[in-house]
PDB file of N, CA and C in Angstrom:
ATOM      1  N   MET A   1     -12.273 -20.492   4.572  1.00  0.00           N
ATOM      2  CA  MET A   1     -13.611 -20.430   5.228  1.00  0.00           C
ATOM      3  C   MET A   1     -14.133 -18.765   5.724  1.00  0.00           C
ATOM      4  N   GLN A   2     -14.523 -18.079   4.783  1.00  0.00           N
ATOM      5  CA  GLN A   2     -14.678 -16.703   5.363  1.00  0.00           C
ATOM      6  C   GLN A   2     -16.442 -16.439   6.009  1.00  0.00           C
ATOM      7  N   PRO A   3     -15.874 -15.401   7.397  1.00  0.00           N
ATOM      8  CA  PRO A   3     -17.356 -15.896   7.822  1.00  0.00           C
ATOM      9  C   PRO A   3     -18.470 -15.300   7.230  1.00  0.00           C
ATOM     10  N   ASP A   4     -19.567 -15.708   8.365  1.00  0.00           N
ATOM     11  CA  ASP A   4     -20.718 -14.598   7.768  1.00  0.00           C
ATOM     12  C   ASP A   4     -20.963 -13.464   8.229  1.00  0.00           C
ATOM     13  N   ILE A   5     -20.589 -12.432   6.786  1.00  0.00           N
ATOM     14  CA  ILE A   5     -21.082 -10.964   7.388  1.00  0.00           C
ATOM     15  C   ILE A   5     -22.384 -10.584   8.381  1.00  0.00           C
ATOM     16  N   PHE A   6     -23.255 -11.275   8.267  1.00  0.00           N
ATOM     17  CA  PHE A   6     -24.650 -10.892   9.249  1.00  0.00           C
ATOM     18  C   PHE A   6     -24.617 -11.519  10.493  1.00  0.00           C
ATOM     19  N   VAL A   7     -23.636 -12.781  10.191  1.00  0.00           N
ATOM     20  CA  VAL A   7     -23.691 -13.370  11.645  1.00  0.00           C
ATOM     21  C   VAL A   7     -22.439 -12.457  12.443  1.00  0.00           C
ATOM     22  N   GLY A   8     -21.919 -12.141  11.389  1.00  0.00           N
ATOM     23  CA  GLY A   8     -21.156 -10.828  12.650  1.00  0.00           C
ATOM     24  C   GLY A   8     -21.412  -9.894  13.259  1.00  0.00           C
ATOM     25  N   LEU A   9     -22.487  -9.069  12.215  1.00  0.00           N
ATOM     26  CA  LEU A   9     -23.061  -8.163  12.520  1.00  0.00           C
ATOM     27  C   LEU A   9     -24.190  -8.086  13.398  1.00  0.00           C
ATOM     28  N   LYS A  10     -24.678  -9.249  13.404  1.00  0.00           N
ATOM     29  CA  LYS A  10     -25.770  -9.640  14.956  1.00  0.00           C
ATOM     30  C   LYS A  10     -24.916  -9.593  16.209  1.00  0.00           C
ATOM     31  N   GLN A  11     -23.735 -10.715  15.658  1.00  0.00           N
ATOM     32  CA  GLN A  11     -23.009 -10.452  17.215  1.00  0.00           C
ATOM     33  C   GLN A  11     -22.725  -9.039  17.784  1.00  0.00           C
ATOM     34  N   ALA A  12     -22.311  -8.382  17.001  1.00  0.00           N
ATOM     35  CA  ALA A  12     -21.909  -7.041  17.354  1.00  0.00           C
ATOM     36  C   ALA A  12     -22.787  -6.356  18.177  1.00  0.00           C
ATOM     37  N   ARG A  13     -23.750  -6.405  17.102  1.00  0.00           N
ATOM     38  CA  ARG A  13     -25.366  -5.735  18.041  1.00  0.00           C
ATOM     39  C   ARG A  13     -25.580  -6.214  19.577  1.00  0.00           C
ATOM     40  N   ASP A  14     -25.147  -8.073  19.428  1.00  0.00           N
ATOM     41  CA  ASP A  14     -25.865  -7.889  20.721  1.00  0.00           C
ATOM     42  C   ASP A  14     -25.070  -8.174  21.865  1.00  0.00           C
ATOM     43  N   ILE A  15     -23.886  -7.911  21.313  1.00  0.00           N
ATOM     44  CA  ILE A  15     -22.615  -6.795  22.428  1.00  0.00           C
ATOM     45  C   ILE A  15     -22.799  -5.366  23.021  1.00  0.00           C
ATOM     46  N   LEU A  16     -23.483  -4.391  21.894  1.00  0.00           N
ATOM     47  CA  LEU A  16     -23.981  -3.117  22.065  1.00  0.00           C
ATOM     48  C   LEU A  16     -25.100  -3.495  22.979  1.00  0.00           C
ATOM     49  N   LYS A  17     -25.808  -4.079  22.913  1.00  0.00           N
ATOM     50  CA  LYS A  17     -26.798  -4.636  23.634  1.00  0.00           C
ATOM     51  C   LYS A  17     -26.961  -4.856  25.132  1.00  0.00           C
ATOM     52  N   ILE A  18     -25.859  -5.644  24.983  1.00  0.00           N
ATOM     53  CA  ILE A  18     -25.473  -5.894  26.497  1.00  0.00           C
ATOM     54  C   ILE A  18     -24.553  -4.541  27.205  1.00  0.00           C
ATOM     55  N   VAL A  19     -23.643  -4.071  26.782  1.00  0.00           N
ATOM     56  CA  VAL A  19     -23.179  -2.796  27.289  1.00  0.00           C
ATOM     57  C   VAL A  19     -23.606  -1.938  27.632  1.00  0.00           C
ATOM     58  N   ALA A  20     -25.436  -1.743  26.819  1.00  0.00           N
ATOM     59  CA  ALA A  20     -25.919  -0.335  26.679  1.00  0.00           C
ATOM     60  C   ALA A  20     -26.911  -1.073  27.907  1.00  0.00           C
ATOM     61  N   LYS A  21     -27.165  -2.420  28.566  1.00  0.00           N
ATOM     62  CA  LYS A  21     -28.223  -2.826  29.405  1.00  0.00           C
ATOM     63  C   LYS A  21     -27.294  -2.849  31.076  1.00  0.00           C
ATOM     64  N   ASN A  22     -25.982  -2.880  30.607  1.00  0.00           N
ATOM     65  CA  ASN A  22     -25.022  -2.798  31.584  1.00  0.00           C
ATOM     66  C   ASN A  22     -24.860  -1.483  32.210  1.00  0.00           C
ATOM     67  N   ILE A  23     -24.684  -0.770  31.094  1.00  0.00           N
ATOM     68  CA  ILE A  23     -24.214   0.625  31.983  1.00  0.00           C
ATOM     69  C   ILE A  23     -25.417   1.692  32.290  1.00  0.00           C
ATOM     70  N   ARG A  24     -26.930   0.895  31.462  1.00  0.00           N
ATOM     71  CA  ARG A  24     -28.040   1.742  32.670  1.00  0.00           C
ATOM     72  C   ARG A  24     -27.943   0.723  33.893  1.00  0.00           C
ATOM     73  N   HIS A  25     -27.909  -0.530  34.004  1.00  0.00           N
ATOM     74  CA  HIS A  25     -27.536  -0.972  35.239  1.00  0.00           C
ATOM     75  C   HIS A  25     -27.063  -0.479  36.293  1.00  0.00           C
ATOM     76  N   TYR A  26     -25.882  -0.612  36.055  1.00  0.00           N
ATOM     77  CA  TYR A  26     -24.914   0.303  36.880  1.00  0.00           C
ATOM     78  C   TYR A  26     -24.851   1.631  37.510  1.00  0.00           C
ATOM     79  N   ARG A  27     -25.776   2.371  36.151  1.00  0.00           N
ATOM     80  CA  ARG A  27     -25.633   3.697  36.240  1.00  0.00           C
ATOM     81  C   ARG A  27     -26.748   3.789  37.181  1.00  0.00           C
ATOM     82  N   LEU A  28     -27.856   3.102  37.204  1.00  0.00           N
ATOM     83  CA  LEU A  28     -29.358   2.891  38.378  1.00  0.00           C
ATOM     84  C   LEU A  28     -29.079   2.477  39.251  1.00  0.00           C
ATOM     85  N   LYS A  29     -27.835   1.950  39.479  1.00  0.00           N
ATOM     86  CA  LYS A  29     -27.655   1.123  40.941  1.00  0.00           C
ATOM     87  C   LYS A  29     -26.103   2.159  41.734  1.00  0.00           C
ATOM     88  N   ALA A  30     -25.481   3.206  40.854  1.00  0.00           N
ATOM     89  CA  ALA A  30     -25.124   4.609  41.317  1.00  0.00           C
ATOM     90  C   ALA A  30     -26.055   5.337  41.872  1.00  0.00           C
ATOM     91  N   ASP A  31     -27.357   5.232  41.087  1.00  0.00           N
ATOM     92  CA  ASP A  31     -27.927   6.645  41.464  1.00  0.00           C
ATOM     93  C   ASP A  31     -27.353   7.959  40.410  1.00  0.00           C
ATOM     94  N   LEU A  32     -27.088   7.742  39.471  1.00  0.00           N
ATOM     95  CA  LEU A  32     -27.048   8.297  39.019  1.00  0.00           C
ATOM     96  C   LEU A  32     -27.714   9.004  37.489  1.00  0.00           C
ATOM     97  N   SER A  33     -27.818   9.930  37.056  1.00  0.00           N
ATOM     98  CA  SER A  33     -29.054  10.597  35.677  1.00  0.00           C
ATOM     99  C   SER A  33     -27.659  10.244  34.612  1.00  0.00           C
ATOM    100  N   GLN A  34     -28.657  10.390  33.057  1.00  0.00           N
ATOM    101  CA  GLN A  34     -27.484  10.312  32.261  1.00  0.00           C
ATOM    102  C   GLN A  34     -26.597  11.312  32.072  1.00  0.00           C
ATOM    103  N   GLU A  35     -26.950  12.966  32.684  1.00  0.00           N
ATOM    104  CA  GLU A  35     -26.069  14.002  32.598  1.00  0.00           C
ATOM    105  C   GLU A  35     -25.003  13.692  33.333  1.00  0.00           C
ATOM    106  N   LYS A  36     -25.520  13.768  34.509  1.00  0.00           N
ATOM    107  CA  LYS A  36     -24.260  13.303  35.710  1.00  0.00           C
ATOM    108  C   LYS A  36     -23.637  12.715  35.430  1.00  0.00           C
ATOM    109  N   LEU A  37     -23.527  11.083  34.852  1.00  0.00           N
ATOM    110  CA  LEU A  37     -22.762  10.002  34.223  1.00  0.00           C
ATOM    111  C   LEU A  37     -22.019  10.440  33.197  1.00  0.00           C
ATOM    112  N   ALA A  38     -22.407  11.284  32.060  1.00  0.00           N
ATOM    113  CA  ALA A  38     -21.828  11.833  31.032  1.00  0.00           C
ATOM    114  C   ALA A  38     -20.799  13.226  31.962  1.00  0.00           C
ATOM    115  N   GLU A  39     -21.073  13.710  32.593  1.00  0.00           N
ATOM    116  CA  GLU A  39     -20.420  14.623  33.182  1.00  0.00           C
ATOM    117  C   GLU A  39     -19.167  13.904  33.683  1.00  0.00           C
ATOM    118  N   TYR A  40     -19.241  12.750  34.398  1.00  0.00           N
ATOM    119  CA  TYR A  40     -18.290  12.309  35.052  1.00  0.00           C
ATOM    120  C   TYR A  40     -17.105  11.778  34.406  1.00  0.00           C
ATOM    121  N   ALA A  41     -18.120  11.044  33.203  1.00  0.00           N
ATOM    122  CA  ALA A  41     -17.427  10.347  31.843  1.00  0.00           C
ATOM    123  C   ALA A  41     -16.637  11.237  30.858  1.00  0.00           C
ATOM    124  N   ASP A  42     -17.062  12.628  31.203  1.00  0.00           N
ATOM    125  CA  ASP A  42     -16.357  13.458  30.279  1.00  0.00           C
ATOM    126  C   ASP A  42     -16.887  13.413  28.801  1.00  0.00           C
ATOM    127  N   VAL A  43     -17.732  13.095  28.492  1.00  0.00           N
ATOM    128  CA  VAL A  43     -18.787  13.109  27.276  1.00  0.00           C
ATOM    129  C   VAL A  43     -19.907  13.598  27.160  1.00  0.00           C
ATOM    130  N   HIS A  44     -20.341  14.139  25.716  1.00  0.00           N
ATOM    131  CA  HIS A  44     -21.453  14.856  26.165  1.00  0.00           C
ATOM    132  C   HIS A  44     -22.929  14.673  26.473  1.00  0.00           C
ATOM    133  N   ARG A  45     -23.442  15.464  27.141  1.00  0.00           N
ATOM    134  CA  ARG A  45     -24.569  14.783  27.686  1.00  0.00           C
ATOM    135  C   ARG A  45     -25.548  14.047  27.045  1.00  0.00           C
ATOM    136  N   ASN A  46     -25.975  14.213  25.972  1.00  0.00           N
ATOM    137  CA  ASN A  46     -26.770  13.261  25.109  1.00  0.00           C
ATOM    138  C   ASN A  46     -26.068  11.804  24.878  1.00  0.00           C
ATOM    139  N   TYR A  47     -24.981  11.572  25.300  1.00  0.00           N
ATOM    140  CA  TYR A  47     -24.244  10.619  24.524  1.00  0.00           C
ATOM    141  C   TYR A  47     -24.443   9.464  25.396  1.00  0.00           C
ATOM    142  N   ILE A  48     -24.801   9.605  26.773  1.00  0.00           N
ATOM    143  CA  ILE A  48     -24.952   7.764  27.257  1.00  0.00           C
ATOM    144  C   ILE A  48     -26.561   7.760  26.904  1.00  0.00           C
ATOM    145  N   GLY A  49     -27.313   8.172  26.889  1.00  0.00           N
ATOM    146  CA  GLY A  49     -28.319   8.208  26.257  1.00  0.00           C
ATOM    147  C   GLY A  49     -28.638   7.080  24.830  1.00  0.00           C
ATOM    148  N   ARG A  50     -28.166   7.865  24.227  1.00  0.00           N
ATOM    149  CA  ARG A  50     -28.124   7.518  22.623  1.00  0.00           C
ATOM    150  C   ARG A  50     -26.832   6.040  23.227  1.00  0.00           C
ATOM    151  N   VAL A  51     -26.246   5.746  23.861  1.00  0.00           N
ATOM    152  CA  VAL A  51     -25.838   4.778  24.239  1.00  0.00           C
ATOM    153  C   VAL A  51     -26.709   3.548  24.876  1.00  0.00           C
ATOM    154  N   GLU A  52     -26.814   4.295  25.540  1.00  0.00           N
ATOM    155  CA  GLU A  52     -28.296   3.130  26.458  1.00  0.00           C
ATOM    156  C   GLU A  52     -29.119   2.828  25.547  1.00  0.00           C
ATOM    157  N   ARG A  53     -29.298   3.346  24.364  1.00  0.00           N
ATOM    158  CA  ARG A  53     -30.249   2.659  23.377  1.00  0.00           C
ATOM    159  C   ARG A  53     -30.283   2.382  22.019  1.00  0.00           C
ATOM    160  N   CYS A  54     -28.700   1.758  22.114  1.00  0.00           N
ATOM    161  CA  CYS A  54     -28.315   1.284  20.863  1.00  0.00           C
ATOM    162  C   CYS A  54     -27.802   2.108  20.240  1.00  0.00           C
ATOM    163  N   GLU A  55     -27.774   3.582  19.749  1.00  0.00           N
ATOM    164  CA  GLU A  55     -28.391   4.228  18.616  1.00  0.00           C
ATOM    165  C   GLU A  55     -26.259   4.406  17.997  1.00  0.00           C
ATOM    166  N   ILE A  56     -25.672   4.587  19.156  1.00  0.00           N
ATOM    167  CA  ILE A  56     -24.400   4.074  18.207  1.00  0.00           C
ATOM    168  C   ILE A  56     -23.423   3.791  18.873  1.00  0.00           C
ATOM    169  N   ASN A  57     -21.797   3.047  18.235  1.00  0.00           N
ATOM    170  CA  ASN A  57     -21.403   2.456  18.903  1.00  0.00           C
ATOM    171  C   ASN A  57     -20.206   3.026  19.472  1.00  0.00           C
ATOM    172  N   LEU A  58     -19.853   2.601  20.751  1.00  0.00           N
ATOM    173  CA  LEU A  58     -18.600   3.549  21.845  1.00  0.00           C
ATOM    174  C   LEU A  58     -17.649   2.261  21.380  1.00  0.00           C
ATOM    175  N   SER A  59     -16.476   3.794  21.302  1.00  0.00           N
ATOM    176  CA  SER A  59     -15.195   3.099  21.097  1.00  0.00           C
ATOM    177  C   SER A  59     -14.493   2.355  22.421  1.00  0.00           C
ATOM    178  N   LEU A  60     -13.915   1.697  22.473  1.00  0.00           N
ATOM    179  CA  LEU A  60     -12.949   1.572  23.807  1.00  0.00           C
ATOM    180  C   LEU A  60     -12.503   2.750  24.742  1.00  0.00           C
ATOM    181  N   VAL A  61     -12.268   3.573  24.658  1.00  0.00           N
ATOM    182  CA  VAL A  61     -11.513   4.289  24.996  1.00  0.00           C
ATOM    183  C   VAL A  61     -13.302   5.053  25.664  1.00  0.00           C
ATOM    184  N   GLN A  62     -14.284   5.492  25.304  1.00  0.00           N
ATOM    185  CA  GLN A  62     -15.275   6.093  25.772  1.00  0.00           C
ATOM    186  C   GLN A  62     -15.775   5.022  26.919  1.00  0.00           C
ATOM    187  N   LEU A  63     -16.058   3.089  26.259  1.00  0.00           N
ATOM    188  CA  LEU A  63     -16.138   2.496  27.492  1.00  0.00           C
ATOM    189  C   LEU A  63     -15.600   2.338  28.604  1.00  0.00           C
ATOM    190  N   ALA A  64     -14.121   2.882  28.437  1.00  0.00           N
ATOM    191  CA  ALA A  64     -13.454   2.838  30.195  1.00  0.00           C
ATOM    192  C   ALA A  64     -13.355   3.989  30.174  1.00  0.00           C
ATOM    193  N   ARG A  65     -13.917   4.972  29.654  1.00  0.00           N
ATOM    194  CA  ARG A  65     -14.603   6.393  30.408  1.00  0.00           C
ATOM    195  C   ARG A  65     -15.560   6.469  31.097  1.00  0.00           C
ATOM    196  N   ILE A  66     -16.311   5.403  30.518  1.00  0.00           N
ATOM    197  CA  ILE A  66     -17.778   5.320  31.154  1.00  0.00           C
ATOM    198  C   ILE A  66     -17.596   4.521  32.467  1.00  0.00           C
ATOM    199  N   ALA A  67     -16.903   3.427  32.352  1.00  0.00           N
ATOM    200  CA  ALA A  67     -16.142   2.484  33.744  1.00  0.00           C
ATOM    201  C   ALA A  67     -15.669   2.693  34.726  1.00  0.00           C
ATOM    202  N   ILE A  68     -14.925   3.739  34.569  1.00  0.00           N
ATOM    203  CA  ILE A  68     -14.407   4.561  35.127  1.00  0.00           C
ATOM    204  C   ILE A  68     -15.229   5.512  36.240  1.00  0.00           C
ATOM    205  N   ALA A  69     -15.917   6.114  35.154  1.00  0.00           N
ATOM    206  CA  ALA A  69     -17.227   7.066  35.866  1.00  0.00           C
ATOM    207  C   ALA A  69     -17.896   6.218  36.745  1.00  0.00           C
ATOM    208  N   LEU A  70     -18.608   5.226  36.366  1.00  0.00           N
ATOM    209  CA  LEU A  70     -19.392   3.940  37.214  1.00  0.00           C
ATOM    210  C   LEU A  70     -18.153   3.382  38.307  1.00  0.00           C
ATOM    211  N   LYS A  71     -17.172   3.659  38.351  1.00  0.00           N
ATOM    212  CA  LYS A  71     -16.082   2.901  39.578  1.00  0.00           C
ATOM    213  C   LYS A  71     -16.000   1.334  39.432  1.00  0.00           C
ATOM    214  N   ILE A  72     -16.319   1.057  37.908  1.00  0.00           N
ATOM    215  CA  ILE A  72     -16.236  -0.288  37.609  1.00  0.00           C
ATOM    216  C   ILE A  72     -15.227  -0.646  36.838  1.00  0.00           C
ATOM    217  N   HIS A  73     -15.097  -2.195  36.767  1.00  0.00           N
ATOM    218  CA  HIS A  73     -14.325  -2.231  35.634  1.00  0.00           C
ATOM    219  C   HIS A  73     -14.381  -2.877  34.223  1.00  0.00           C
ATOM    220  N   PRO A  74     -13.966  -1.987  33.021  1.00  0.00           N
ATOM    221  CA  PRO A  74     -14.152  -1.908  32.097  1.00  0.00           C
ATOM    222  C   PRO A  74     -15.006  -3.116  31.796  1.00  0.00           C
ATOM    223  N   ALA A  75     -14.541  -4.316  31.933  1.00  0.00           N
ATOM    224  CA  ALA A  75     -14.713  -5.689  31.914  1.00  0.00           C
ATOM    225  C   ALA A  75     -15.862  -6.160  32.214  1.00  0.00           C
ATOM    226  N   ASP A  76     -16.905  -5.245  33.321  1.00  0.00           N
ATOM    227  CA  ASP A  76     -18.011  -5.475  33.934  1.00  0.00           C
ATOM    228  C   ASP A  76     -19.183  -5.060  33.098  1.00  0.00           C
ATOM    229  N   LEU A  77     -18.926  -4.491  31.936  1.00  0.00           N
ATOM    230  CA  LEU A  77     -19.631  -3.697  31.427  1.00  0.00           C
ATOM    231  C   LEU A  77     -20.004  -4.924  30.204  1.00  0.00           C
ATOM    232  N   LEU A  78     -19.204  -5.722  29.791  1.00  0.00           N
ATOM    233  CA  LEU A  78     -19.525  -6.630  29.065  1.00  0.00           C
ATOM    234  C   LEU A  78     -19.687  -8.069  29.050  1.00  0.00           C
ATOM    235  N   LYS A  79     -19.897  -8.320  30.175  1.00  0.00           N
ATOM    236  CA  LYS A  79     -20.739  -9.445  30.892  1.00  0.00           C
ATOM    237  C   LYS A  79     -21.678  -9.885  30.678  1.00  0.00           C
TER     238      LYS A  79
END
């Protein structure tokens, strides 16, 4: 039995929303601007805003870079 592709896409979108919400939460907790977090994570200054608005899909490498910049474990962004 094949999984329903639309259910899979919705679940993927839900994960992006969770990650976006958590990045914003930890960024604000660390009192960092989007631009400063981007600098620490070595990504373009607009990238963090686009991630927080769920406009783009981030890779595992980018997720790890952002987590390291926030001084948290990458898994914390998925909870």
